[in-house]
Amino acid sequence: MKSTDETPQLTELLVNEATTLEESSVTQSSENSMGEYQQLKQELYLITLAITAVAFATVVYFYGLRVAGNYLLGAVTGVVYLRLLARDVDRLGTETMKLSLNRQALVIVLMLVAAKWHQLQILPVFLGFLTYKAALLVYLVRILSIAD
């Protein structure tokens, strides 16, 4: 009789232990993923800033400070866009289930200001904005070359 009374308790103990181990594994995996995500964000910011610095110096050398200033305005807007995107992704699933439209408004306002303000040129501003895309491509190429 005693062994049958202990069997449900032992089974329950084993199930609880297995559940605890599984939850611990999921929590650790989640923490690792968040750490990788934070590292990805940091790396994208650094690559974007490095490309911006090199491109800004190149544009100053070939086209002058006025065009380089337009490029820099676009590049800074691109970094702000990237930060807004990262903030939206951080909140995705916890606070909201959809992405914000503030980022698109930022680009639209930038292009409208560049079009209406005669001291700004649309092409350098737009190309500066796309600098964050170049950073994504650099990151992608680096990751694919490591995988090979």
C-alpha atoms as a PDB file:
ATOM      1  CA  MET A   1       0.000   0.000   0.000  1.00  0.00           C
ATOM      2  CA  LYS A   2       2.786   2.370   0.817  1.00  0.00           C
ATOM      3  CA  SER A   3       4.406   2.118  -2.621  1.00  0.00           C
ATOM      4  CA  THR A   4       1.156   3.061  -4.420  1.00  0.00           C
ATOM      5  CA  ASP A   5       0.771   6.169  -2.243  1.00  0.00           C
ATOM      6  CA  GLU A   6       4.314   7.280  -3.039  1.00  0.00           C
ATOM      7  CA  THR A   7       3.987   6.702  -6.806  1.00  0.00           C
ATOM      8  CA  PRO A   8       1.646   9.674  -7.506  1.00  0.00           C
ATOM      9  CA  GLN A   9       3.821  11.928  -5.356  1.00  0.00           C
ATOM     10  CA  LEU A  10       6.965  10.762  -7.148  1.00  0.00           C
ATOM     11  CA  THR A  11       5.315  11.223 -10.544  1.00  0.00           C
ATOM     12  CA  GLU A  12       4.143  14.701  -9.566  1.00  0.00           C
ATOM     13  CA  LEU A  13       7.632  15.568  -8.338  1.00  0.00           C
ATOM     14  CA  LEU A  14       9.195  14.382 -11.607  1.00  0.00           C
ATOM     15  CA  VAL A  15       6.647  16.326 -13.694  1.00  0.00           C
ATOM     16  CA  ASN A  16       7.247  19.472 -11.627  1.00  0.00           C
ATOM     17  CA  GLU A  17      11.023  19.068 -11.990  1.00  0.00           C
ATOM     18  CA  ALA A  18      10.747  18.574 -15.767  1.00  0.00           C
ATOM     19  CA  THR A  19       8.467  21.617 -16.068  1.00  0.00           C
ATOM     20  CA  THR A  20      10.867  23.725 -14.018  1.00  0.00           C
ATOM     21  CA  LEU A  21      13.817  22.645 -16.188  1.00  0.00           C
ATOM     22  CA  GLU A  22      11.868  23.410 -19.366  1.00  0.00           C
ATOM     23  CA  GLU A  23      10.817  26.859 -18.102  1.00  0.00           C
ATOM     24  CA  SER A  24      14.405  27.562 -17.089  1.00  0.00           C
ATOM     25  CA  SER A  25      15.628  26.563 -20.548  1.00  0.00           C
ATOM     26  CA  VAL A  26      13.022  28.776 -22.255  1.00  0.00           C
ATOM     27  CA  THR A  27      13.901  31.721 -19.997  1.00  0.00           C
ATOM     28  CA  GLN A  28      17.618  31.295 -20.674  1.00  0.00           C
ATOM     29  CA  SER A  29      16.989  31.002 -24.414  1.00  0.00           C
ATOM     30  CA  SER A  30      14.842  34.139 -24.313  1.00  0.00           C
ATOM     31  CA  GLU A  31      17.546  36.048 -22.445  1.00  0.00           C
ATOM     32  CA  ASN A  32      20.160  34.914 -24.989  1.00  0.00           C
ATOM     33  CA  SER A  33      17.920  36.036 -27.859  1.00  0.00           C
ATOM     34  CA  MET A  34      17.360  39.445 -26.281  1.00  0.00           C
ATOM     35  CA  GLY A  35      21.097  39.813 -25.747  1.00  0.00           C
ATOM     36  CA  GLU A  36      21.727  38.983 -29.404  1.00  0.00           C
ATOM     37  CA  TYR A  37      19.029  41.462 -30.436  1.00  0.00           C
ATOM     38  CA  GLN A  38      20.562  44.236 -28.324  1.00  0.00           C
ATOM     39  CA  GLN A  39      23.971  43.439 -29.825  1.00  0.00           C
ATOM     40  CA  LEU A  40      22.469  43.586 -33.332  1.00  0.00           C
ATOM     41  CA  LYS A  41      20.964  47.012 -32.664  1.00  0.00           C
ATOM     42  CA  GLN A  42      24.246  48.339 -31.307  1.00  0.00           C
ATOM     43  CA  GLU A  43      26.191  46.938 -34.249  1.00  0.00           C
ATOM     44  CA  LEU A  44      23.776  48.446 -36.777  1.00  0.00           C
ATOM     45  CA  TYR A  45      24.080  51.860 -35.123  1.00  0.00           C
ATOM     46  CA  LEU A  46      27.877  51.674 -35.181  1.00  0.00           C
ATOM     47  CA  ILE A  47      28.018  50.534 -38.807  1.00  0.00           C
ATOM     48  CA  THR A  48      25.590  53.290 -39.794  1.00  0.00           C
ATOM     49  CA  LEU A  49      27.653  55.934 -38.018  1.00  0.00           C
ATOM     50  CA  ALA A  50      30.883  54.639 -39.581  1.00  0.00           C
ATOM     51  CA  ILE A  51      29.417  54.673 -43.095  1.00  0.00           C
ATOM     52  CA  THR A  52      27.991  58.139 -42.428  1.00  0.00           C
ATOM     53  CA  ALA A  53      31.388  59.478 -41.343  1.00  0.00           C
ATOM     54  CA  VAL A  54      33.193  58.025 -44.368  1.00  0.00           C
ATOM     55  CA  ALA A  55      30.496  59.146 -46.800  1.00  0.00           C
ATOM     56  CA  PHE A  56      30.341  62.624 -45.261  1.00  0.00           C
ATOM     57  CA  ALA A  57      34.104  63.084 -45.634  1.00  0.00           C
ATOM     58  CA  THR A  58      33.952  61.821 -49.224  1.00  0.00           C
ATOM     59  CA  VAL A  59      31.067  64.134 -50.120  1.00  0.00           C
ATOM     60  CA  VAL A  60      32.851  67.116 -48.539  1.00  0.00           C
ATOM     61  CA  TYR A  61      35.949  66.332 -50.599  1.00  0.00           C
ATOM     62  CA  PHE A  62      34.167  65.906 -53.939  1.00  0.00           C
ATOM     63  CA  TYR A  63      31.093  68.163 -53.682  1.00  0.00           C
ATOM     64  CA  GLY A  64      31.710  70.669 -50.913  1.00  0.00           C
ATOM     65  CA  LEU A  65      30.295  71.410 -47.517  1.00  0.00           C
ATOM     66  CA  ARG A  66      26.822  72.472 -48.666  1.00  0.00           C
ATOM     67  CA  VAL A  67      26.020  69.149 -50.346  1.00  0.00           C
ATOM     68  CA  ALA A  68      27.700  67.270 -47.488  1.00  0.00           C
ATOM     69  CA  GLY A  69      25.449  69.097 -45.029  1.00  0.00           C
ATOM     70  CA  ASN A  70      22.426  67.919 -47.001  1.00  0.00           C
ATOM     71  CA  TYR A  71      23.774  64.380 -46.909  1.00  0.00           C
ATOM     72  CA  LEU A  72      24.396  64.628 -43.167  1.00  0.00           C
ATOM     73  CA  LEU A  73      20.841  65.848 -42.545  1.00  0.00           C
ATOM     74  CA  GLY A  74      19.505  62.801 -44.371  1.00  0.00           C
ATOM     75  CA  ALA A  75      21.895  60.448 -42.578  1.00  0.00           C
ATOM     76  CA  VAL A  76      20.917  61.783 -39.155  1.00  0.00           C
ATOM     77  CA  THR A  77      17.265  61.357 -40.098  1.00  0.00           C
ATOM     78  CA  GLY A  78      18.065  57.783 -41.148  1.00  0.00           C
ATOM     79  CA  VAL A  79      19.602  57.066 -37.733  1.00  0.00           C
ATOM     80  CA  VAL A  80      16.517  58.537 -36.032  1.00  0.00           C
ATOM     81  CA  TYR A  81      14.366  56.366 -38.306  1.00  0.00           C
ATOM     82  CA  LEU A  82      16.398  53.301 -37.328  1.00  0.00           C
ATOM     83  CA  ARG A  83      15.990  54.140 -33.621  1.00  0.00           C
ATOM     84  CA  LEU A  84      12.219  54.558 -34.052  1.00  0.00           C
ATOM     85  CA  LEU A  85      12.074  51.227 -35.848  1.00  0.00           C
ATOM     86  CA  ALA A  86      14.043  49.542 -33.057  1.00  0.00           C
ATOM     87  CA  ARG A  87      11.746  51.090 -30.451  1.00  0.00           C
ATOM     88  CA  ASP A  88       8.686  49.805 -32.325  1.00  0.00           C
ATOM     89  CA  VAL A  89      10.191  46.327 -32.553  1.00  0.00           C
ATOM     90  CA  ASP A  90      11.038  46.425 -28.828  1.00  0.00           C
ATOM     91  CA  ARG A  91       7.389  47.117 -28.026  1.00  0.00           C
ATOM     92  CA  LEU A  92       6.003  44.653 -30.561  1.00  0.00           C
ATOM     93  CA  GLY A  93       4.187  41.811 -28.828  1.00  0.00           C
ATOM     94  CA  THR A  94       4.411  43.278 -25.339  1.00  0.00           C
ATOM     95  CA  GLU A  95       2.631  46.611 -25.590  1.00  0.00           C
ATOM     96  CA  THR A  96       1.174  46.591 -29.078  1.00  0.00           C
ATOM     97  CA  MET A  97       0.594  44.256 -31.973  1.00  0.00           C
ATOM     98  CA  LYS A  98       1.319  46.717 -34.790  1.00  0.00           C
ATOM     99  CA  LEU A  99       4.092  49.057 -35.839  1.00  0.00           C
ATOM    100  CA  SER A 100       3.825  52.822 -35.537  1.00  0.00           C
ATOM    101  CA  LEU A 101       3.537  55.106 -38.545  1.00  0.00           C
ATOM    102  CA  ASN A 102       5.735  57.847 -36.998  1.00  0.00           C
ATOM    103  CA  ARG A 103       8.695  56.625 -39.019  1.00  0.00           C
ATOM    104  CA  GLN A 104       6.935  57.176 -42.346  1.00  0.00           C
ATOM    105  CA  ALA A 105       5.851  60.628 -41.225  1.00  0.00           C
ATOM    106  CA  LEU A 106       9.480  61.449 -40.442  1.00  0.00           C
ATOM    107  CA  VAL A 107      10.562  60.562 -43.987  1.00  0.00           C
ATOM    108  CA  ILE A 108       7.663  62.445 -45.561  1.00  0.00           C
ATOM    109  CA  VAL A 109       8.400  65.584 -43.532  1.00  0.00           C
ATOM    110  CA  LEU A 110      12.099  65.346 -44.409  1.00  0.00           C
ATOM    111  CA  MET A 111      11.383  65.095 -48.134  1.00  0.00           C
ATOM    112  CA  LEU A 112       8.814  67.914 -48.009  1.00  0.00           C
ATOM    113  CA  VAL A 113      11.250  70.201 -46.197  1.00  0.00           C
ATOM    114  CA  ALA A 114      14.019  69.301 -48.664  1.00  0.00           C
ATOM    115  CA  ALA A 115      11.710  70.015 -51.602  1.00  0.00           C
ATOM    116  CA  LYS A 116      10.393  73.336 -50.297  1.00  0.00           C
ATOM    117  CA  TRP A 117      13.499  74.791 -48.703  1.00  0.00           C
ATOM    118  CA  HIS A 118      15.724  76.057 -51.509  1.00  0.00           C
ATOM    119  CA  GLN A 119      18.941  75.597 -49.548  1.00  0.00           C
ATOM    120  CA  LEU A 120      18.410  71.842 -49.398  1.00  0.00           C
ATOM    121  CA  GLN A 121      18.858  69.408 -52.253  1.00  0.00           C
ATOM    122  CA  ILE A 122      16.600  66.384 -52.374  1.00  0.00           C
ATOM    123  CA  LEU A 123      19.053  63.820 -53.761  1.00  0.00           C
ATOM    124  CA  PRO A 124      21.822  64.213 -51.134  1.00  0.00           C
ATOM    125  CA  VAL A 125      19.234  64.276 -48.348  1.00  0.00           C
ATOM    126  CA  PHE A 126      17.573  61.131 -49.674  1.00  0.00           C
ATOM    127  CA  LEU A 127      20.870  59.316 -50.205  1.00  0.00           C
ATOM    128  CA  GLY A 128      21.915  60.303 -46.693  1.00  0.00           C
ATOM    129  CA  PHE A 129      18.686  58.860 -45.370  1.00  0.00           C
ATOM    130  CA  LEU A 130      19.420  55.570 -47.149  1.00  0.00           C
ATOM    131  CA  THR A 131      22.739  55.227 -45.317  1.00  0.00           C
ATOM    132  CA  TYR A 132      21.087  53.012 -42.711  1.00  0.00           C
ATOM    133  CA  LYS A 133      20.145  50.644 -45.544  1.00  0.00           C
ATOM    134  CA  ALA A 134      23.809  50.425 -46.523  1.00  0.00           C
ATOM    135  CA  ALA A 135      24.578  49.459 -42.930  1.00  0.00           C
ATOM    136  CA  LEU A 136      22.025  46.660 -43.166  1.00  0.00           C
ATOM    137  CA  LEU A 137      23.667  45.416 -46.361  1.00  0.00           C
ATOM    138  CA  VAL A 138      27.127  45.517 -44.763  1.00  0.00           C
ATOM    139  CA  TYR A 139      25.813  43.545 -41.795  1.00  0.00           C
ATOM    140  CA  LEU A 140      24.107  41.021 -44.085  1.00  0.00           C
ATOM    141  CA  VAL A 141      27.255  40.477 -46.163  1.00  0.00           C
ATOM    142  CA  ARG A 142      29.328  40.064 -43.007  1.00  0.00           C
ATOM    143  CA  ILE A 143      26.927  37.500 -41.556  1.00  0.00           C
ATOM    144  CA  LEU A 144      26.723  35.562 -44.828  1.00  0.00           C
ATOM    145  CA  SER A 145      30.497  35.500 -45.188  1.00  0.00           C
ATOM    146  CA  ILE A 146      30.841  34.143 -41.633  1.00  0.00           C
ATOM    147  CA  ALA A 147      28.259  31.410 -42.386  1.00  0.00           C
ATOM    148  CA  ASP A 148      30.318  30.138 -45.327  1.00  0.00           C
END
